[in-house]
Amino acid sequence: MNLFKKTYWLIYPALIIFFMFLFDQVYQTDTFLLKAIISGVAAFLVSPRKKKIKTETGEKFQITWIFLKQPIELN
């Protein structure tokens, strides 16, 4: 999990590349802008979120993701 804490921001660009490749295989189009917009929206919906949570001990940051069961706390 420590590696995920340090490199969670790399998931978003990797998801864009993955969705562009997937979109290119499923639907053949010449418009790069259309592929980029659809891939960007899909990557945004699936990417991890960083939230600021107020607790009794102060503010903490959490990473939540659709594929994780529990949020990860950042210090």
N, C-alpha and C. Protein backbone atom coordinates (compact mmCIF):
# COMPACT_ATOMS: atom_id res chain seq x y z
N MET A 1 0.81 -1.20 0.00
CA MET A 1 0.00 0.00 0.00
C MET A 1 0.85 1.27 0.00
N ASN A 2 2.09 1.18 0.52
CA ASN A 2 2.93 2.38 0.52
C ASN A 2 3.25 2.84 -0.89
N LEU A 3 3.44 1.88 -1.80
CA LEU A 3 3.70 2.25 -3.19
C LEU A 3 2.48 2.93 -3.80
N PHE A 4 1.28 2.45 -3.47
CA PHE A 4 0.06 3.07 -3.98
C PHE A 4 -0.11 4.49 -3.42
N LYS A 5 0.28 4.71 -2.17
CA LYS A 5 0.19 6.04 -1.58
C LYS A 5 1.06 7.04 -2.32
N LYS A 6 2.21 6.58 -2.79
CA LYS A 6 3.15 7.48 -3.45
C LYS A 6 2.84 7.68 -4.92
N THR A 7 2.22 6.69 -5.57
CA THR A 7 2.07 6.75 -7.02
C THR A 7 0.62 6.69 -7.49
N TYR A 8 -0.34 7.03 -6.64
CA TYR A 8 -1.74 6.96 -7.05
C TYR A 8 -2.05 7.95 -8.17
N TRP A 9 -1.31 9.02 -8.30
CA TRP A 9 -1.56 10.03 -9.32
C TRP A 9 -1.18 9.52 -10.72
N LEU A 10 -0.40 8.43 -10.80
CA LEU A 10 -0.05 7.87 -12.10
C LEU A 10 -1.17 7.04 -12.71
N ILE A 11 -2.17 6.71 -11.93
CA ILE A 11 -3.26 5.87 -12.42
C ILE A 11 -4.07 6.61 -13.48
N TYR A 12 -4.30 7.90 -13.28
CA TYR A 12 -5.12 8.68 -14.21
C TYR A 12 -4.56 8.68 -15.64
N PRO A 13 -3.28 9.01 -15.85
CA PRO A 13 -2.75 8.95 -17.22
C PRO A 13 -2.73 7.53 -17.79
N ALA A 14 -2.45 6.55 -16.94
CA ALA A 14 -2.44 5.17 -17.42
C ALA A 14 -3.85 4.74 -17.85
N LEU A 15 -4.87 5.19 -17.13
CA LEU A 15 -6.24 4.86 -17.51
C LEU A 15 -6.63 5.54 -18.82
N ILE A 16 -6.17 6.75 -19.06
CA ILE A 16 -6.46 7.43 -20.33
C ILE A 16 -5.87 6.64 -21.49
N ILE A 17 -4.63 6.20 -21.34
CA ILE A 17 -3.98 5.42 -22.40
C ILE A 17 -4.71 4.10 -22.60
N PHE A 18 -5.10 3.44 -21.51
CA PHE A 18 -5.82 2.17 -21.59
C PHE A 18 -7.16 2.35 -22.30
N PHE A 19 -7.92 3.37 -21.93
CA PHE A 19 -9.22 3.58 -22.56
C PHE A 19 -9.09 4.02 -24.01
N MET A 20 -8.02 4.76 -24.36
CA MET A 20 -7.81 5.11 -25.76
C MET A 20 -7.53 3.87 -26.59
N PHE A 21 -6.71 2.97 -26.05
CA PHE A 21 -6.43 1.73 -26.76
C PHE A 21 -7.69 0.88 -26.89
N LEU A 22 -8.45 0.77 -25.81
CA LEU A 22 -9.69 -0.02 -25.83
C LEU A 22 -10.70 0.58 -26.80
N PHE A 23 -10.85 1.90 -26.78
CA PHE A 23 -11.78 2.57 -27.67
C PHE A 23 -11.37 2.40 -29.13
N ASP A 24 -10.06 2.41 -29.38
CA ASP A 24 -9.57 2.23 -30.74
C ASP A 24 -9.83 0.81 -31.24
N GLN A 25 -9.79 -0.16 -30.36
CA GLN A 25 -10.05 -1.55 -30.75
C GLN A 25 -11.53 -1.80 -30.98
N VAL A 26 -12.38 -1.18 -30.20
CA VAL A 26 -13.82 -1.41 -30.28
C VAL A 26 -14.45 -0.60 -31.41
N TYR A 27 -14.08 0.66 -31.52
CA TYR A 27 -14.72 1.56 -32.47
C TYR A 27 -13.63 2.27 -33.28
N GLN A 28 -13.55 2.00 -34.54
CA GLN A 28 -12.54 2.60 -35.41
C GLN A 28 -12.98 4.01 -35.82
N THR A 29 -12.20 5.00 -35.43
CA THR A 29 -12.48 6.37 -35.82
C THR A 29 -11.17 7.10 -36.09
N ASP A 30 -11.22 8.10 -36.93
CA ASP A 30 -10.04 8.89 -37.24
C ASP A 30 -9.92 10.14 -36.38
N THR A 31 -10.95 10.46 -35.66
CA THR A 31 -10.96 11.69 -34.86
C THR A 31 -10.25 11.44 -33.52
N PHE A 32 -9.05 11.99 -33.42
CA PHE A 32 -8.28 11.83 -32.19
C PHE A 32 -8.93 12.57 -31.03
N LEU A 33 -9.50 13.73 -31.31
CA LEU A 33 -10.13 14.53 -30.26
C LEU A 33 -11.30 13.79 -29.63
N LEU A 34 -12.09 13.11 -30.41
CA LEU A 34 -13.21 12.34 -29.89
C LEU A 34 -12.73 11.21 -29.00
N LYS A 35 -11.69 10.49 -29.43
CA LYS A 35 -11.12 9.41 -28.62
C LYS A 35 -10.56 9.96 -27.30
N ALA A 36 -9.89 11.10 -27.38
CA ALA A 36 -9.29 11.69 -26.18
C ALA A 36 -10.35 12.14 -25.19
N ILE A 37 -11.42 12.73 -25.66
CA ILE A 37 -12.48 13.20 -24.76
C ILE A 37 -13.19 12.03 -24.10
N ILE A 38 -13.55 11.04 -24.86
CA ILE A 38 -14.24 9.87 -24.29
C ILE A 38 -13.32 9.13 -23.31
N SER A 39 -12.06 8.98 -23.66
CA SER A 39 -11.11 8.30 -22.78
C SER A 39 -10.86 9.11 -21.50
N GLY A 40 -10.78 10.41 -21.63
CA GLY A 40 -10.58 11.26 -20.47
C GLY A 40 -11.74 11.21 -19.50
N VAL A 41 -12.95 11.23 -20.01
CA VAL A 41 -14.13 11.15 -19.15
C VAL A 41 -14.21 9.79 -18.46
N ALA A 42 -13.96 8.72 -19.20
CA ALA A 42 -13.99 7.38 -18.62
C ALA A 42 -12.90 7.22 -17.55
N ALA A 43 -11.71 7.75 -17.81
CA ALA A 43 -10.62 7.67 -16.83
C ALA A 43 -10.94 8.50 -15.59
N PHE A 44 -11.59 9.64 -15.77
CA PHE A 44 -11.97 10.47 -14.63
C PHE A 44 -12.98 9.76 -13.73
N LEU A 45 -13.91 9.05 -14.34
CA LEU A 45 -14.93 8.35 -13.57
C LEU A 45 -14.36 7.17 -12.78
N VAL A 46 -13.33 6.53 -13.30
CA VAL A 46 -12.78 5.34 -12.67
C VAL A 46 -11.56 5.65 -11.79
N SER A 47 -10.97 6.82 -11.90
CA SER A 47 -9.73 7.14 -11.19
C SER A 47 -9.96 7.34 -9.69
N PRO A 48 -8.90 7.17 -8.88
CA PRO A 48 -9.02 7.36 -7.44
C PRO A 48 -9.23 8.83 -7.08
N ARG A 49 -9.89 9.06 -5.97
CA ARG A 49 -10.18 10.42 -5.50
C ARG A 49 -9.42 10.70 -4.21
N LYS A 50 -8.95 11.91 -4.08
CA LYS A 50 -8.28 12.35 -2.86
C LYS A 50 -9.23 13.29 -2.13
N LYS A 51 -9.58 12.92 -0.89
CA LYS A 51 -10.54 13.70 -0.12
C LYS A 51 -9.90 14.23 1.15
N LYS A 52 -10.34 15.41 1.57
CA LYS A 52 -9.91 16.00 2.82
C LYS A 52 -11.03 15.77 3.84
N ILE A 53 -10.70 15.08 4.93
CA ILE A 53 -11.70 14.71 5.93
C ILE A 53 -11.35 15.37 7.25
N LYS A 54 -12.33 16.00 7.88
CA LYS A 54 -12.12 16.60 9.19
C LYS A 54 -12.44 15.56 10.27
N THR A 55 -11.49 15.34 11.16
CA THR A 55 -11.68 14.43 12.28
C THR A 55 -11.45 15.19 13.58
N GLU A 56 -11.60 14.51 14.69
CA GLU A 56 -11.37 15.16 15.98
C GLU A 56 -9.91 15.54 16.18
N THR A 57 -9.01 14.79 15.58
CA THR A 57 -7.58 15.07 15.74
C THR A 57 -7.05 16.05 14.70
N GLY A 58 -7.87 16.46 13.75
CA GLY A 58 -7.45 17.40 12.71
C GLY A 58 -7.90 16.94 11.35
N GLU A 59 -7.36 17.57 10.33
CA GLU A 59 -7.73 17.22 8.97
C GLU A 59 -6.80 16.14 8.44
N LYS A 60 -7.38 15.18 7.73
CA LYS A 60 -6.61 14.09 7.13
C LYS A 60 -7.03 13.95 5.67
N PHE A 61 -6.12 13.43 4.88
CA PHE A 61 -6.41 13.15 3.48
C PHE A 61 -6.62 11.65 3.31
N GLN A 62 -7.62 11.30 2.50
CA GLN A 62 -7.90 9.92 2.20
C GLN A 62 -7.97 9.72 0.69
N ILE A 63 -7.53 8.54 0.26
CA ILE A 63 -7.66 8.15 -1.13
C ILE A 63 -8.75 7.10 -1.19
N THR A 64 -9.79 7.36 -1.96
CA THR A 64 -10.85 6.38 -2.16
C THR A 64 -10.87 6.00 -3.64
N TRP A 65 -11.17 4.74 -3.87
CA TRP A 65 -11.19 4.23 -5.23
C TRP A 65 -12.24 3.16 -5.33
N ILE A 66 -12.82 3.00 -6.49
CA ILE A 66 -13.89 2.03 -6.70
C ILE A 66 -13.39 0.60 -6.49
N PHE A 67 -12.08 0.35 -6.69
CA PHE A 67 -11.54 -0.99 -6.59
C PHE A 67 -10.96 -1.30 -5.21
N LEU A 68 -10.98 -0.37 -4.29
CA LEU A 68 -10.49 -0.60 -2.93
C LEU A 68 -11.67 -0.76 -1.97
N LYS A 69 -11.53 -1.68 -1.02
CA LYS A 69 -12.60 -1.88 -0.05
C LYS A 69 -12.61 -0.79 1.00
N GLN A 70 -11.45 -0.37 1.45
CA GLN A 70 -11.33 0.65 2.48
C GLN A 70 -10.48 1.81 1.96
N PRO A 71 -10.76 3.02 2.42
CA PRO A 71 -9.95 4.16 1.99
C PRO A 71 -8.55 4.08 2.60
N ILE A 72 -7.59 4.69 1.92
CA ILE A 72 -6.21 4.75 2.39
C ILE A 72 -5.96 6.15 2.94
N GLU A 73 -5.41 6.22 4.15
CA GLU A 73 -5.13 7.53 4.77
C GLU A 73 -3.72 7.99 4.40
N LEU A 74 -3.61 9.26 4.07
CA LEU A 74 -2.32 9.90 3.81
C LEU A 74 -1.99 10.80 4.98
N ASN A 75 -0.74 10.82 5.37
CA ASN A 75 -0.33 11.69 6.48
C ASN A 75 0.46 12.85 5.97
